Amino acid sequence: MEVAGRAAEPREADEVEGSLSLLRAGLEGYGYQYLTATERPRWHPDDGEDGRTFCELFGARVLAKYIDEFLGYFMIRKVGCHADQVAEIIEDVRGFVAWLAETGELPPVAARKALGRLARGSDEVPAAERLSELLYGIATRNKDSYRPGSEPACDEIVEEFLVVDRVAPGRIWFLDGVGPIKVSEAASRLARPGWTINLVLGRRGDRWDVLEVGNVYPETLA
């Protein structure tokens, strides 16, 4: 899966290469999961086949299958970038996949699937990162009031991967009757039903506050 020969992009070549290096890193680390039963015996991660990397051997073959994990796991859990940078990375990968389709290295059906997923991800993943950043700010402001010994006492602490149930301006509710949490209107505009957020919440009476934030996933996690 080489980059050479790709049509010029508006972004600088080294910036695009940085984005594609993340895609390669993801494929090298996790792409083996998408090999077929006949392909798996050919892959020996300790030494490769004839010294070639996973991407050189199988990259284009498993790329379309891997895109979901790249967007839903790798970009969220492994890439520490701000939302705007995330959007640029996804657009660079989208351009690369389009180039693979144009050159015939990616079959048309697989290319359409991957490009459709990337189009959706270019909206969802940066929005999830922005929401995570906003919730972190809220948690930072709230946490001091929930230190041990603070008054009034906390009635309940929930530490869980919570699925967004519904959203209203300045409020987010979760499944299983948790919430609402009070957030900025900017945060509520970003949150979408079905998304999963890793949160620590504190409850006092009928009020829920965000205390800690992990990642925001633009999908429902089982």
Protein backbone atom coordinates (compact mmCIF):
# COMPACT_ATOMS: atom_id res chain seq x y z
CA MET A 1 0.00 0.00 0.00
CA GLU A 2 2.24 2.78 -1.28
CA VAL A 3 1.66 6.50 -1.44
CA ALA A 4 3.92 7.22 -4.40
CA GLY A 5 2.10 8.53 -7.45
CA ARG A 6 -0.82 10.00 -5.53
CA ALA A 7 -2.20 13.19 -7.05
CA ALA A 8 -1.15 16.40 -5.33
CA GLU A 9 -3.33 17.51 -2.41
CA PRO A 10 -3.89 21.04 -1.11
CA ARG A 11 -2.18 20.11 2.16
CA GLU A 12 1.59 19.82 2.39
CA ALA A 13 3.03 16.44 1.42
CA ASP A 14 4.58 15.87 4.85
CA GLU A 15 1.23 16.57 6.54
CA VAL A 16 -0.52 14.04 4.32
CA GLU A 17 2.25 11.53 4.91
CA GLY A 18 1.82 12.02 8.66
CA SER A 19 -1.86 11.16 8.34
CA LEU A 20 -1.15 8.08 6.25
CA SER A 21 1.50 6.95 8.71
CA LEU A 22 -1.28 6.70 11.31
CA LEU A 23 -3.34 4.57 8.94
CA ARG A 24 -0.33 2.32 8.36
CA ALA A 25 0.32 2.08 12.11
CA GLY A 26 -3.26 1.00 12.68
CA LEU A 27 -3.12 -1.60 9.93
CA GLU A 28 0.24 -2.92 11.12
CA GLY A 29 -1.10 -3.32 14.65
CA TYR A 30 -4.65 -4.52 14.04
CA GLY A 31 -5.09 -5.40 10.38
CA TYR A 32 -4.25 -9.07 10.94
CA GLN A 33 -7.73 -9.51 12.44
CA TYR A 34 -9.24 -9.04 8.98
CA LEU A 35 -7.17 -11.62 7.12
CA THR A 36 -9.01 -14.55 5.61
CA ALA A 37 -8.37 -18.09 6.76
CA THR A 38 -6.14 -18.68 3.74
CA GLU A 39 -4.18 -15.45 4.28
CA ARG A 40 -3.45 -15.85 8.00
CA PRO A 41 -0.78 -18.56 7.62
CA ARG A 42 1.20 -16.18 5.39
CA TRP A 43 1.56 -13.54 8.08
CA HIS A 44 4.38 -13.92 10.63
CA PRO A 45 4.50 -10.68 12.65
CA ASP A 46 7.98 -11.31 14.01
CA ASP A 47 9.69 -11.33 10.66
CA GLY A 48 7.08 -10.68 7.96
CA GLU A 49 7.20 -12.48 4.64
CA ASP A 50 10.46 -11.82 2.80
CA GLY A 51 11.00 -8.85 5.12
CA ARG A 52 7.86 -7.07 3.90
CA THR A 53 5.49 -5.24 6.23
CA PHE A 54 1.86 -6.13 6.80
CA CYS A 55 0.74 -3.16 4.69
CA GLU A 56 2.95 -4.21 1.79
CA LEU A 57 1.51 -7.71 1.90
CA PHE A 58 -2.14 -7.17 2.78
CA GLY A 59 -2.83 -3.44 3.24
CA ALA A 60 -5.11 -2.81 0.29
CA ARG A 61 -6.88 -6.15 0.78
CA VAL A 62 -8.01 -5.47 4.35
CA LEU A 63 -8.24 -1.67 4.25
CA ALA A 64 -11.99 -1.43 3.65
CA LYS A 65 -12.67 -3.95 6.41
CA TYR A 66 -10.43 -2.06 8.82
CA ILE A 67 -11.89 1.44 8.30
CA ASP A 68 -14.60 0.98 10.95
CA GLU A 69 -12.01 0.10 13.59
CA PHE A 70 -9.68 2.88 12.43
CA LEU A 71 -12.40 5.50 12.92
CA GLY A 72 -14.21 4.01 15.90
CA TYR A 73 -11.22 2.80 17.94
CA PHE A 74 -7.80 3.81 16.65
CA MET A 75 -8.52 7.49 15.99
CA ILE A 76 -10.32 7.82 19.33
CA ARG A 77 -8.17 5.67 21.64
CA LYS A 78 -4.72 5.88 20.08
CA VAL A 79 -4.43 9.30 18.41
CA GLY A 80 -4.09 12.26 20.76
CA CYS A 81 -5.11 15.07 18.42
CA HIS A 82 -7.55 17.94 18.65
CA ALA A 83 -10.79 17.77 16.69
CA ASP A 84 -9.54 19.92 13.79
CA GLN A 85 -6.46 17.73 13.39
CA VAL A 86 -8.64 14.61 13.48
CA ALA A 87 -10.77 16.03 10.67
CA GLU A 88 -7.68 16.68 8.55
CA ILE A 89 -6.34 13.17 9.14
CA ILE A 90 -9.62 11.58 8.08
CA GLU A 91 -9.80 13.74 4.95
CA ASP A 92 -6.23 12.74 4.03
CA VAL A 93 -7.11 9.06 4.45
CA ARG A 94 -10.28 9.62 2.42
CA GLY A 95 -8.22 11.10 -0.42
CA PHE A 96 -5.81 8.18 -0.28
CA VAL A 97 -8.62 5.63 -0.45
CA ALA A 98 -10.07 7.50 -3.45
CA TRP A 99 -6.67 7.29 -5.12
CA LEU A 100 -6.48 3.54 -4.44
CA ALA A 101 -9.87 3.19 -6.11
CA GLU A 102 -8.80 5.24 -9.12
CA THR A 103 -5.66 3.15 -9.62
CA GLY A 104 -7.56 -0.13 -9.27
CA GLU A 105 -5.75 -1.25 -6.10
CA LEU A 106 -9.05 -1.21 -4.21
CA PRO A 107 -12.05 -2.97 -5.79
CA PRO A 108 -15.02 -0.69 -6.56
CA VAL A 109 -17.40 -2.23 -4.04
CA ALA A 110 -14.82 -2.12 -1.24
CA ALA A 111 -13.88 1.45 -2.21
CA ARG A 112 -17.49 2.65 -2.07
CA LYS A 113 -17.92 1.08 1.35
CA ALA A 114 -14.72 2.61 2.71
CA LEU A 115 -15.38 6.05 1.23
CA GLY A 116 -18.93 6.09 2.60
CA ARG A 117 -17.68 5.20 6.07
CA LEU A 118 -14.96 7.85 5.88
CA ALA A 119 -17.49 10.47 4.76
CA ARG A 120 -19.59 9.72 7.83
CA GLY A 121 -16.51 9.57 10.05
CA SER A 122 -15.26 12.95 8.85
CA ASP A 123 -18.34 14.42 10.54
CA GLU A 124 -18.79 12.13 13.54
CA VAL A 125 -15.27 11.59 14.85
CA PRO A 126 -14.23 15.28 15.06
CA ALA A 127 -17.62 16.05 16.65
CA ALA A 128 -17.00 13.32 19.23
CA GLU A 129 -13.57 14.78 19.98
CA ARG A 130 -15.04 18.27 20.39
CA LEU A 131 -17.69 16.92 22.74
CA SER A 132 -15.03 15.13 24.78
CA GLU A 133 -13.04 18.37 25.09
CA LEU A 134 -16.11 20.33 26.24
CA LEU A 135 -17.10 17.67 28.76
CA TYR A 136 -13.56 17.63 30.14
CA GLY A 137 -13.84 21.35 30.82
CA ILE A 138 -17.12 20.80 32.66
CA ALA A 139 -15.63 17.93 34.69
CA THR A 140 -12.65 20.07 35.71
CA ARG A 141 -14.97 22.76 37.06
CA ASN A 142 -17.21 20.26 38.87
CA LYS A 143 -14.74 17.90 40.43
CA ASP A 144 -13.57 20.03 43.37
CA SER A 145 -17.09 20.17 44.79
CA TYR A 146 -17.15 16.34 44.96
CA ARG A 147 -13.91 15.85 46.88
CA PRO A 148 -14.15 13.51 49.92
CA GLY A 149 -15.63 15.40 52.85
CA SER A 150 -17.31 18.00 50.68
CA GLU A 151 -20.86 19.05 51.51
CA PRO A 152 -23.50 18.14 50.68
CA ALA A 153 -22.62 14.46 50.53
CA CYS A 154 -22.82 12.68 47.20
CA ASP A 155 -25.79 10.32 46.91
CA GLU A 156 -24.38 8.21 44.08
CA ILE A 157 -21.34 7.86 41.84
CA VAL A 158 -21.73 6.24 38.43
CA GLU A 159 -18.60 5.20 36.52
CA GLU A 160 -19.65 3.63 33.25
CA PHE A 161 -19.76 3.64 29.47
CA LEU A 162 -23.08 5.43 29.08
CA VAL A 163 -25.17 5.51 25.92
CA VAL A 164 -26.83 8.80 25.04
CA ASP A 165 -30.61 8.40 25.10
CA ARG A 166 -31.80 11.91 24.21
CA VAL A 167 -30.55 15.46 24.02
CA ALA A 168 -32.07 18.89 24.63
CA PRO A 169 -30.40 22.31 24.71
CA GLY A 170 -27.97 22.22 27.64
CA ARG A 171 -28.98 18.70 28.74
CA ILE A 172 -27.99 15.11 27.95
CA TRP A 173 -29.83 11.99 29.16
CA PHE A 174 -28.49 8.44 29.10
CA LEU A 175 -30.08 5.01 28.94
CA ASP A 176 -31.08 3.27 32.19
CA GLY A 177 -32.49 6.48 33.64
CA VAL A 178 -29.19 8.29 34.17
CA GLY A 179 -29.28 12.08 33.83
CA PRO A 180 -29.82 14.61 32.68
CA ILE A 181 -26.37 16.13 33.00
CA LYS A 182 -26.13 19.87 32.59
CA VAL A 183 -23.81 20.88 29.76
CA SER A 184 -23.24 23.88 27.54
CA GLU A 185 -25.53 24.27 24.55
CA ALA A 186 -22.48 23.78 22.35
CA ALA A 187 -21.96 20.34 23.93
CA SER A 188 -25.61 19.36 23.59
CA ARG A 189 -25.54 20.31 19.90
CA LEU A 190 -22.67 17.87 19.38
CA ALA A 191 -24.07 14.90 21.35
CA ARG A 192 -26.19 12.40 19.43
CA PRO A 193 -28.45 9.57 20.60
CA GLY A 194 -26.67 6.24 20.38
CA TRP A 195 -23.22 7.61 21.10
CA THR A 196 -21.28 6.09 24.01
CA ILE A 197 -19.42 8.27 26.51
CA ASN A 198 -17.04 6.97 29.18
CA LEU A 199 -17.99 9.05 32.23
CA VAL A 200 -17.83 9.35 35.98
CA LEU A 201 -20.98 11.12 37.19
CA GLY A 202 -21.93 12.29 40.67
CA ARG A 203 -25.55 12.61 41.80
CA ARG A 204 -26.93 14.81 44.55
CA GLY A 205 -30.70 14.50 44.70
CA ASP A 206 -31.94 14.77 41.13
CA ARG A 207 -28.86 16.64 39.91
CA TRP A 208 -26.15 14.81 37.96
CA ASP A 209 -22.70 16.35 37.43
CA VAL A 210 -19.82 15.28 35.19
CA LEU A 211 -16.73 14.47 37.31
CA GLU A 212 -14.45 12.66 34.86
CA VAL A 213 -14.51 12.04 31.12
CA GLY A 214 -12.88 9.34 29.07
CA ASN A 215 -13.58 8.98 25.39
CA VAL A 216 -16.66 9.74 23.32
CA TYR A 217 -17.51 7.03 20.79
CA PRO A 218 -19.85 7.85 17.88
CA GLU A 219 -21.52 4.45 18.17
CA THR A 220 -23.27 2.27 20.71
CA LEU A 221 -20.78 0.01 22.47
CA ALA A 222 -22.10 -3.37 23.54
